[in-house]
Amino acid sequence: MAYLVGAILALAVGGLSTVVGFDRDRAFYPTVLIVIASYYALFAVVGESTDALIVEAIVATAFLTMAVVGFKHSLWLVVAALAAHSILDAFHAQVIANPGVPVWWPAFCLSYDGVAAGYLAFLLYRKVVRVRAA
């Protein structure tokens, strides 16, 4: 169920953003990536684990960096980072011990990130969103 809800939500957020025009601004998807990357740090705080917070903050910083570089140079980097975060979700529990992560979160986030990466790739391929800054 978490996989399905994540995928549907990613399509709904992406579709609404396109219809309303939020994603006309190239900053939209990099901002989404930054928010997505911050949730595991939030869960470390919820789980009251300083060790997990430090590791999650380092990982989130890597994704934040990809969001900024992608925004400045090419949104294809944001696609790659969303896809990479989806892969991280698949192995997160084996790589980082974070007691605050809800059991359903990795499946939800994996599907959300993967669908969001695919949706942004589709928009870039169709030239609906500019790949590079003007």
C-alpha atoms as a PDB file:
ATOM      1  CA  MET A   1       0.000   0.000   0.000  1.00  0.00           C
ATOM      2  CA  ALA A   2       2.855   2.412   0.829  1.00  0.00           C
ATOM      3  CA  TYR A   3       4.314   1.898  -2.653  1.00  0.00           C
ATOM      4  CA  LEU A   4       0.987   2.704  -4.305  1.00  0.00           C
ATOM      5  CA  VAL A   5       0.299   5.766  -2.172  1.00  0.00           C
ATOM      6  CA  GLY A   6       3.821   7.107  -2.796  1.00  0.00           C
ATOM      7  CA  ALA A   7       3.481   6.682  -6.562  1.00  0.00           C
ATOM      8  CA  ILE A   8       0.005   8.227  -6.703  1.00  0.00           C
ATOM      9  CA  LEU A   9       1.075  11.153  -4.537  1.00  0.00           C
ATOM     10  CA  ALA A  10       4.138  11.830  -6.708  1.00  0.00           C
ATOM     11  CA  LEU A  11       1.971  11.860  -9.828  1.00  0.00           C
ATOM     12  CA  ALA A  12      -0.623  14.071  -8.126  1.00  0.00           C
ATOM     13  CA  VAL A  13       1.956  16.576  -6.864  1.00  0.00           C
ATOM     14  CA  GLY A  14       3.806  16.599 -10.189  1.00  0.00           C
ATOM     15  CA  GLY A  15       0.636  16.840 -12.260  1.00  0.00           C
ATOM     16  CA  LEU A  16      -0.887  19.583 -10.121  1.00  0.00           C
ATOM     17  CA  SER A  17       2.397  21.485 -10.184  1.00  0.00           C
ATOM     18  CA  THR A  18       2.451  21.340 -13.969  1.00  0.00           C
ATOM     19  CA  VAL A  19      -1.214  22.311 -14.369  1.00  0.00           C
ATOM     20  CA  VAL A  20      -1.005  25.193 -11.891  1.00  0.00           C
ATOM     21  CA  GLY A  21       2.421  26.280 -13.134  1.00  0.00           C
ATOM     22  CA  PHE A  22       4.503  25.794  -9.995  1.00  0.00           C
ATOM     23  CA  ASP A  23       7.135  23.926 -11.983  1.00  0.00           C
ATOM     24  CA  ARG A  24       7.577  26.775 -14.475  1.00  0.00           C
ATOM     25  CA  ASP A  25      10.149  27.942 -11.969  1.00  0.00           C
ATOM     26  CA  ARG A  26      13.194  25.677 -12.247  1.00  0.00           C
ATOM     27  CA  ALA A  27      13.602  25.867  -8.458  1.00  0.00           C
ATOM     28  CA  PHE A  28      10.533  23.720  -7.826  1.00  0.00           C
ATOM     29  CA  TYR A  29      12.009  20.227  -8.259  1.00  0.00           C
ATOM     30  CA  PRO A  30      15.338  21.029  -6.561  1.00  0.00           C
ATOM     31  CA  THR A  31      13.295  22.315  -3.611  1.00  0.00           C
ATOM     32  CA  VAL A  32      11.251  19.100  -3.585  1.00  0.00           C
ATOM     33  CA  LEU A  33      14.524  17.141  -3.506  1.00  0.00           C
ATOM     34  CA  ILE A  34      15.795  19.158  -0.539  1.00  0.00           C
ATOM     35  CA  VAL A  35      12.574  18.561   1.388  1.00  0.00           C
ATOM     36  CA  ILE A  36      12.616  14.839   0.562  1.00  0.00           C
ATOM     37  CA  ALA A  37      16.222  14.539   1.737  1.00  0.00           C
ATOM     38  CA  SER A  38      15.437  16.265   5.036  1.00  0.00           C
ATOM     39  CA  TYR A  39      12.819  13.782   6.246  1.00  0.00           C
ATOM     40  CA  TYR A  40      15.276  11.137   7.442  1.00  0.00           C
ATOM     41  CA  ALA A  41      16.969  13.800   9.612  1.00  0.00           C
ATOM     42  CA  LEU A  42      13.542  14.672  11.003  1.00  0.00           C
ATOM     43  CA  PHE A  43      12.977  11.006  11.811  1.00  0.00           C
ATOM     44  CA  ALA A  44      16.334  10.888  13.632  1.00  0.00           C
ATOM     45  CA  VAL A  45      15.107  13.742  15.829  1.00  0.00           C
ATOM     46  CA  VAL A  46      11.812  11.912  16.418  1.00  0.00           C
ATOM     47  CA  GLY A  47      13.775   8.781  17.327  1.00  0.00           C
ATOM     48  CA  GLU A  48      16.004  10.843  19.633  1.00  0.00           C
ATOM     49  CA  SER A  49      19.163   9.494  18.005  1.00  0.00           C
ATOM     50  CA  THR A  50      22.042  11.947  17.770  1.00  0.00           C
ATOM     51  CA  ASP A  51      24.174   9.387  15.906  1.00  0.00           C
ATOM     52  CA  ALA A  52      21.472   8.891  13.283  1.00  0.00           C
ATOM     53  CA  LEU A  53      20.959  12.657  13.023  1.00  0.00           C
ATOM     54  CA  ILE A  54      24.634  13.220  12.244  1.00  0.00           C
ATOM     55  CA  VAL A  55      24.689  10.545   9.545  1.00  0.00           C
ATOM     56  CA  GLU A  56      21.343  11.638   8.090  1.00  0.00           C
ATOM     57  CA  ALA A  57      22.492  15.271   8.032  1.00  0.00           C
ATOM     58  CA  ILE A  58      25.597  14.286   6.064  1.00  0.00           C
ATOM     59  CA  VAL A  59      23.498  12.319   3.577  1.00  0.00           C
ATOM     60  CA  ALA A  60      20.948  15.137   3.308  1.00  0.00           C
ATOM     61  CA  THR A  61      23.772  17.591   2.646  1.00  0.00           C
ATOM     62  CA  ALA A  62      24.898  15.486  -0.314  1.00  0.00           C
ATOM     63  CA  PHE A  63      21.374  15.620  -1.778  1.00  0.00           C
ATOM     64  CA  LEU A  64      21.088  19.334  -1.003  1.00  0.00           C
ATOM     65  CA  THR A  65      24.336  19.842  -2.910  1.00  0.00           C
ATOM     66  CA  MET A  66      22.963  17.893  -5.874  1.00  0.00           C
ATOM     67  CA  ALA A  67      19.809  20.034  -5.776  1.00  0.00           C
ATOM     68  CA  VAL A  68      21.814  23.262  -5.865  1.00  0.00           C
ATOM     69  CA  VAL A  69      24.216  22.079  -8.571  1.00  0.00           C
ATOM     70  CA  GLY A  70      21.296  20.703 -10.577  1.00  0.00           C
ATOM     71  CA  PHE A  71      19.435  23.987 -10.276  1.00  0.00           C
ATOM     72  CA  LYS A  72      22.496  25.959 -11.352  1.00  0.00           C
ATOM     73  CA  HIS A  73      23.563  23.681 -14.220  1.00  0.00           C
ATOM     74  CA  SER A  74      21.116  20.979 -15.307  1.00  0.00           C
ATOM     75  CA  LEU A  75      17.901  19.595 -13.866  1.00  0.00           C
ATOM     76  CA  TRP A  76      19.010  16.169 -15.139  1.00  0.00           C
ATOM     77  CA  LEU A  77      21.189  16.115 -12.001  1.00  0.00           C
ATOM     78  CA  VAL A  78      18.016  16.511  -9.940  1.00  0.00           C
ATOM     79  CA  VAL A  79      16.494  13.568 -11.817  1.00  0.00           C
ATOM     80  CA  ALA A  80      19.606  11.530 -10.987  1.00  0.00           C
ATOM     81  CA  ALA A  81      19.502  12.608  -7.337  1.00  0.00           C
ATOM     82  CA  LEU A  82      15.809  11.704  -6.983  1.00  0.00           C
ATOM     83  CA  ALA A  83      16.536   8.303  -8.510  1.00  0.00           C
ATOM     84  CA  ALA A  84      19.547   7.879  -6.207  1.00  0.00           C
ATOM     85  CA  HIS A  85      17.407   8.758  -3.198  1.00  0.00           C
ATOM     86  CA  SER A  86      14.918   6.114  -4.319  1.00  0.00           C
ATOM     87  CA  ILE A  87      17.747   3.565  -4.325  1.00  0.00           C
ATOM     88  CA  LEU A  88      18.870   4.776  -0.885  1.00  0.00           C
ATOM     89  CA  ASP A  89      15.325   4.220   0.366  1.00  0.00           C
ATOM     90  CA  ALA A  90      15.550   0.580  -0.717  1.00  0.00           C
ATOM     91  CA  PHE A  91      18.660   0.011   1.436  1.00  0.00           C
ATOM     92  CA  HIS A  92      18.294   2.694   4.103  1.00  0.00           C
ATOM     93  CA  ALA A  93      17.624   0.352   7.032  1.00  0.00           C
ATOM     94  CA  GLN A  94      20.666  -1.761   6.142  1.00  0.00           C
ATOM     95  CA  VAL A  95      22.932   1.287   5.855  1.00  0.00           C
ATOM     96  CA  ILE A  96      21.740   3.706   8.554  1.00  0.00           C
ATOM     97  CA  ALA A  97      20.250   2.780  11.916  1.00  0.00           C
ATOM     98  CA  ASN A  98      17.540   5.384  12.475  1.00  0.00           C
ATOM     99  CA  PRO A  99      14.971   4.401  15.127  1.00  0.00           C
ATOM    100  CA  GLY A 100      12.567   7.194  14.191  1.00  0.00           C
ATOM    101  CA  VAL A 101      11.839   5.999  10.645  1.00  0.00           C
ATOM    102  CA  PRO A 102       8.280   4.655  10.374  1.00  0.00           C
ATOM    103  CA  VAL A 103       8.128   1.085   9.055  1.00  0.00           C
ATOM    104  CA  TRP A 104       6.179   2.144   5.953  1.00  0.00           C
ATOM    105  CA  TRP A 105       8.341   5.177   5.100  1.00  0.00           C
ATOM    106  CA  PRO A 106      11.106   3.592   2.966  1.00  0.00           C
ATOM    107  CA  ALA A 107       8.539   1.947   0.652  1.00  0.00           C
ATOM    108  CA  PHE A 108       6.507   5.151   0.383  1.00  0.00           C
ATOM    109  CA  CYS A 109       9.556   7.330  -0.212  1.00  0.00           C
ATOM    110  CA  LEU A 110      11.112   4.861  -2.670  1.00  0.00           C
ATOM    111  CA  SER A 111       8.059   4.939  -4.886  1.00  0.00           C
ATOM    112  CA  TYR A 112       7.537   8.701  -4.500  1.00  0.00           C
ATOM    113  CA  ASP A 113      11.158   9.456  -5.390  1.00  0.00           C
ATOM    114  CA  GLY A 114      11.215   7.062  -8.327  1.00  0.00           C
ATOM    115  CA  VAL A 115       7.994   8.374  -9.819  1.00  0.00           C
ATOM    116  CA  ALA A 116       9.050  11.997  -9.197  1.00  0.00           C
ATOM    117  CA  ALA A 117      12.360  11.300 -10.978  1.00  0.00           C
ATOM    118  CA  GLY A 118      10.489   9.758 -13.903  1.00  0.00           C
ATOM    119  CA  TYR A 119       7.990  12.606 -14.044  1.00  0.00           C
ATOM    120  CA  LEU A 120      10.711  15.259 -14.055  1.00  0.00           C
ATOM    121  CA  ALA A 121      12.653  13.303 -16.707  1.00  0.00           C
ATOM    122  CA  PHE A 122       9.490  13.229 -18.834  1.00  0.00           C
ATOM    123  CA  LEU A 123       9.052  17.009 -18.452  1.00  0.00           C
ATOM    124  CA  LEU A 124      12.681  17.662 -19.356  1.00  0.00           C
ATOM    125  CA  TYR A 125      12.564  15.323 -22.339  1.00  0.00           C
ATOM    126  CA  ARG A 126       9.378  16.990 -23.601  1.00  0.00           C
ATOM    127  CA  LYS A 127      10.925  20.427 -22.925  1.00  0.00           C
ATOM    128  CA  VAL A 128       8.062  21.404 -20.619  1.00  0.00           C
ATOM    129  CA  VAL A 129      10.636  22.506 -18.006  1.00  0.00           C
ATOM    130  CA  ARG A 130      13.946  24.151 -18.930  1.00  0.00           C
ATOM    131  CA  VAL A 131      16.941  21.901 -18.326  1.00  0.00           C
ATOM    132  CA  ARG A 132      19.339  24.801 -17.784  1.00  0.00           C
ATOM    133  CA  ALA A 133      19.054  28.249 -16.269  1.00  0.00           C
ATOM    134  CA  ALA A 134      18.518  31.009 -18.800  1.00  0.00           C
END
